[in-house]
Amino acid sequence: MADLKEEIDREIAANTILVYGKGTKTMPRCGFTLETIEFFDRFGYPFEVVDVLENMPKREALSAMTDWPTLPKVFIKGKFYGDTDILGPMAESGELANVLKDAFGGAEPASKQTINLR
């Protein structure tokens, strides 16, 4: 368990926004993980997704660390925020935009590249 906690701590420290979910960014394997990926895509800041679907010991360690039984689990700059049930209202109120801006040192998100096909 100590090794798993150390691994989780390293992953959280290495990523400003980290989502533990079922599947990956390119292949989510759960609707809630997909919803969380789409949610963060809208903000334009980089984030990572760690697939813990098949890793029950890691899922159990995460649940013990966060006292949150379900996936996905979102960490922003090392702080646990729950999932989109918590983050959605924060986004609506504008609070999340401030949290993200602070997490990225005041930087604005990278604008998404659009391609004009005409």
C-alpha atoms as a PDB file:
ATOM      1  CA  MET A   1       0.000   0.000   0.000  1.00  0.00           C
ATOM      2  CA  ALA A   2       2.877   2.379   0.784  1.00  0.00           C
ATOM      3  CA  ASP A   3       4.298   1.834  -2.698  1.00  0.00           C
ATOM      4  CA  LEU A   4       0.912   2.612  -4.261  1.00  0.00           C
ATOM      5  CA  LYS A   5       0.548   5.777  -2.187  1.00  0.00           C
ATOM      6  CA  GLU A   6       4.026   6.883  -3.289  1.00  0.00           C
ATOM      7  CA  GLU A   7       3.147   6.157  -6.923  1.00  0.00           C
ATOM      8  CA  ILE A   8      -0.097   8.119  -6.631  1.00  0.00           C
ATOM      9  CA  ASP A   9       1.687  11.004  -4.890  1.00  0.00           C
ATOM     10  CA  ARG A  10       4.265  11.119  -7.733  1.00  0.00           C
ATOM     11  CA  GLU A  11       1.542  11.117 -10.395  1.00  0.00           C
ATOM     12  CA  ILE A  12      -0.356  13.897  -8.648  1.00  0.00           C
ATOM     13  CA  ALA A  13       2.815  15.971  -8.207  1.00  0.00           C
ATOM     14  CA  ALA A  14       3.769  15.529 -11.876  1.00  0.00           C
ATOM     15  CA  ASN A  15       0.435  16.794 -13.288  1.00  0.00           C
ATOM     16  CA  THR A  16      -1.279  20.083 -12.556  1.00  0.00           C
ATOM     17  CA  ILE A  17      -4.636  18.511 -13.439  1.00  0.00           C
ATOM     18  CA  LEU A  18      -4.888  14.759 -12.992  1.00  0.00           C
ATOM     19  CA  VAL A  19      -7.946  12.594 -13.490  1.00  0.00           C
ATOM     20  CA  TYR A  20      -8.067   9.030 -12.231  1.00  0.00           C
ATOM     21  CA  GLY A  21     -10.721   7.303 -14.266  1.00  0.00           C
ATOM     22  CA  LYS A  22     -11.759   4.311 -16.288  1.00  0.00           C
ATOM     23  CA  GLY A  23      -9.857   4.413 -19.562  1.00  0.00           C
ATOM     24  CA  THR A  24      -7.582   7.000 -21.118  1.00  0.00           C
ATOM     25  CA  LYS A  25      -8.002  10.428 -22.727  1.00  0.00           C
ATOM     26  CA  THR A  26      -8.149   8.839 -26.152  1.00  0.00           C
ATOM     27  CA  MET A  27     -10.181   5.805 -25.115  1.00  0.00           C
ATOM     28  CA  PRO A  28     -12.417   6.434 -22.108  1.00  0.00           C
ATOM     29  CA  ARG A  29     -14.155   3.296 -20.922  1.00  0.00           C
ATOM     30  CA  CYS A  30     -16.881   4.908 -18.856  1.00  0.00           C
ATOM     31  CA  GLY A  31     -19.377   7.682 -19.479  1.00  0.00           C
ATOM     32  CA  PHE A  32     -18.338   9.581 -16.363  1.00  0.00           C
ATOM     33  CA  THR A  33     -14.686   9.514 -17.411  1.00  0.00           C
ATOM     34  CA  LEU A  34     -15.685  10.732 -20.884  1.00  0.00           C
ATOM     35  CA  GLU A  35     -17.769  13.516 -19.303  1.00  0.00           C
ATOM     36  CA  THR A  36     -14.780  14.594 -17.193  1.00  0.00           C
ATOM     37  CA  ILE A  37     -12.443  14.595 -20.209  1.00  0.00           C
ATOM     38  CA  GLU A  38     -14.914  16.700 -22.217  1.00  0.00           C
ATOM     39  CA  PHE A  39     -15.347  19.002 -19.211  1.00  0.00           C
ATOM     40  CA  PHE A  40     -11.603  19.737 -18.971  1.00  0.00           C
ATOM     41  CA  ASP A  41     -11.186  19.945 -22.755  1.00  0.00           C
ATOM     42  CA  ARG A  42     -13.451  23.008 -22.656  1.00  0.00           C
ATOM     43  CA  PHE A  43     -11.036  24.857 -20.376  1.00  0.00           C
ATOM     44  CA  GLY A  44      -7.988  24.465 -22.616  1.00  0.00           C
ATOM     45  CA  TYR A  45      -5.453  23.660 -19.905  1.00  0.00           C
ATOM     46  CA  PRO A  46      -3.355  20.486 -20.178  1.00  0.00           C
ATOM     47  CA  PHE A  47      -4.460  17.532 -18.081  1.00  0.00           C
ATOM     48  CA  GLU A  48      -3.734  13.839 -17.818  1.00  0.00           C
ATOM     49  CA  VAL A  49      -5.908  10.803 -17.241  1.00  0.00           C
ATOM     50  CA  VAL A  50      -4.651   7.704 -15.447  1.00  0.00           C
ATOM     51  CA  ASP A  51      -6.583   4.520 -16.193  1.00  0.00           C
ATOM     52  CA  VAL A  52      -7.303   2.612 -12.977  1.00  0.00           C
ATOM     53  CA  LEU A  53     -10.176   0.462 -14.272  1.00  0.00           C
ATOM     54  CA  GLU A  54      -8.202  -2.791 -14.104  1.00  0.00           C
ATOM     55  CA  ASN A  55      -6.114  -1.831 -11.051  1.00  0.00           C
ATOM     56  CA  MET A  56      -8.266  -2.544  -7.989  1.00  0.00           C
ATOM     57  CA  PRO A  57      -5.464  -2.074  -5.443  1.00  0.00           C
ATOM     58  CA  LYS A  58      -4.776   1.429  -6.827  1.00  0.00           C
ATOM     59  CA  ARG A  59      -8.495   2.243  -6.908  1.00  0.00           C
ATOM     60  CA  GLU A  60      -8.801   1.140  -3.278  1.00  0.00           C
ATOM     61  CA  ALA A  61      -5.751   3.202  -2.301  1.00  0.00           C
ATOM     62  CA  LEU A  62      -7.223   6.268  -4.034  1.00  0.00           C
ATOM     63  CA  SER A  63     -10.566   5.769  -2.273  1.00  0.00           C
ATOM     64  CA  ALA A  64      -8.810   5.487   1.082  1.00  0.00           C
ATOM     65  CA  MET A  65      -6.735   8.615   0.394  1.00  0.00           C
ATOM     66  CA  THR A  66      -9.701  10.722  -0.729  1.00  0.00           C
ATOM     67  CA  ASP A  67     -12.625   9.225   1.185  1.00  0.00           C
ATOM     68  CA  TRP A  68     -14.397   9.315  -2.202  1.00  0.00           C
ATOM     69  CA  PRO A  69     -15.647   5.910  -3.369  1.00  0.00           C
ATOM     70  CA  THR A  70     -16.326   6.573  -7.044  1.00  0.00           C
ATOM     71  CA  LEU A  71     -14.388   7.362 -10.212  1.00  0.00           C
ATOM     72  CA  PRO A  72     -13.336   9.647 -11.711  1.00  0.00           C
ATOM     73  CA  LYS A  73     -11.278  11.427  -9.099  1.00  0.00           C
ATOM     74  CA  VAL A  74      -9.870  14.841 -10.026  1.00  0.00           C
ATOM     75  CA  PHE A  75      -6.794  16.486  -8.516  1.00  0.00           C
ATOM     76  CA  ILE A  76      -5.815  20.068  -9.331  1.00  0.00           C
ATOM     77  CA  LYS A  77      -2.355  21.154  -8.192  1.00  0.00           C
ATOM     78  CA  GLY A  78      -2.301  18.342  -5.664  1.00  0.00           C
ATOM     79  CA  LYS A  79      -5.705  19.064  -4.139  1.00  0.00           C
ATOM     80  CA  PHE A  80      -8.543  16.577  -4.491  1.00  0.00           C
ATOM     81  CA  TYR A  81     -11.726  18.068  -5.958  1.00  0.00           C
ATOM     82  CA  GLY A  82     -14.012  15.055  -6.422  1.00  0.00           C
ATOM     83  CA  ASP A  83     -15.592  14.831  -9.859  1.00  0.00           C
ATOM     84  CA  THR A  84     -17.783  16.892 -12.170  1.00  0.00           C
ATOM     85  CA  ASP A  85     -20.620  16.816  -9.625  1.00  0.00           C
ATOM     86  CA  ILE A  86     -18.427  19.157  -7.563  1.00  0.00           C
ATOM     87  CA  LEU A  87     -16.549  20.846 -10.408  1.00  0.00           C
ATOM     88  CA  GLY A  88     -19.640  21.631 -12.520  1.00  0.00           C
ATOM     89  CA  PRO A  89     -21.123  24.102 -10.019  1.00  0.00           C
ATOM     90  CA  MET A  90     -17.631  25.531  -9.459  1.00  0.00           C
ATOM     91  CA  ALA A  91     -17.373  26.139 -13.211  1.00  0.00           C
ATOM     92  CA  GLU A  92     -20.804  27.773 -13.335  1.00  0.00           C
ATOM     93  CA  SER A  93     -19.932  30.159 -10.508  1.00  0.00           C
ATOM     94  CA  GLY A  94     -16.562  31.082 -12.049  1.00  0.00           C
ATOM     95  CA  GLU A  95     -14.662  29.659  -9.085  1.00  0.00           C
ATOM     96  CA  LEU A  96     -13.067  26.874 -11.136  1.00  0.00           C
ATOM     97  CA  ALA A  97     -11.665  29.284 -13.723  1.00  0.00           C
ATOM     98  CA  ASN A  98      -9.841  31.059 -10.893  1.00  0.00           C
ATOM     99  CA  VAL A  99      -8.615  27.767  -9.386  1.00  0.00           C
ATOM    100  CA  LEU A 100      -7.248  26.692 -12.774  1.00  0.00           C
ATOM    101  CA  LYS A 101      -5.647  30.038 -13.505  1.00  0.00           C
ATOM    102  CA  ASP A 102      -3.955  29.991 -10.082  1.00  0.00           C
ATOM    103  CA  ALA A 103      -2.878  26.356 -10.578  1.00  0.00           C
ATOM    104  CA  PHE A 104      -1.138  27.351 -13.809  1.00  0.00           C
ATOM    105  CA  GLY A 105       0.595  30.377 -12.298  1.00  0.00           C
ATOM    106  CA  GLY A 106      -1.854  32.919 -13.662  1.00  0.00           C
ATOM    107  CA  ALA A 107      -1.442  31.743 -17.241  1.00  0.00           C
ATOM    108  CA  GLU A 108      -4.406  31.843 -19.549  1.00  0.00           C
ATOM    109  CA  PRO A 109      -5.296  28.546 -21.195  1.00  0.00           C
ATOM    110  CA  ALA A 110      -3.846  27.803 -24.590  1.00  0.00           C
ATOM    111  CA  SER A 111      -6.431  28.626 -27.188  1.00  0.00           C
ATOM    112  CA  LYS A 112      -7.585  25.680 -29.191  1.00  0.00           C
ATOM    113  CA  GLN A 113      -6.425  25.629 -32.762  1.00  0.00           C
ATOM    114  CA  THR A 114      -9.205  25.831 -35.292  1.00  0.00           C
ATOM    115  CA  ILE A 115      -8.789  24.797 -38.877  1.00  0.00           C
ATOM    116  CA  ASN A 116     -10.608  26.685 -41.585  1.00  0.00           C
ATOM    117  CA  LEU A 117     -11.370  24.290 -44.416  1.00  0.00           C
ATOM    118  CA  ARG A 118     -12.433  27.013 -46.847  1.00  0.00           C
END
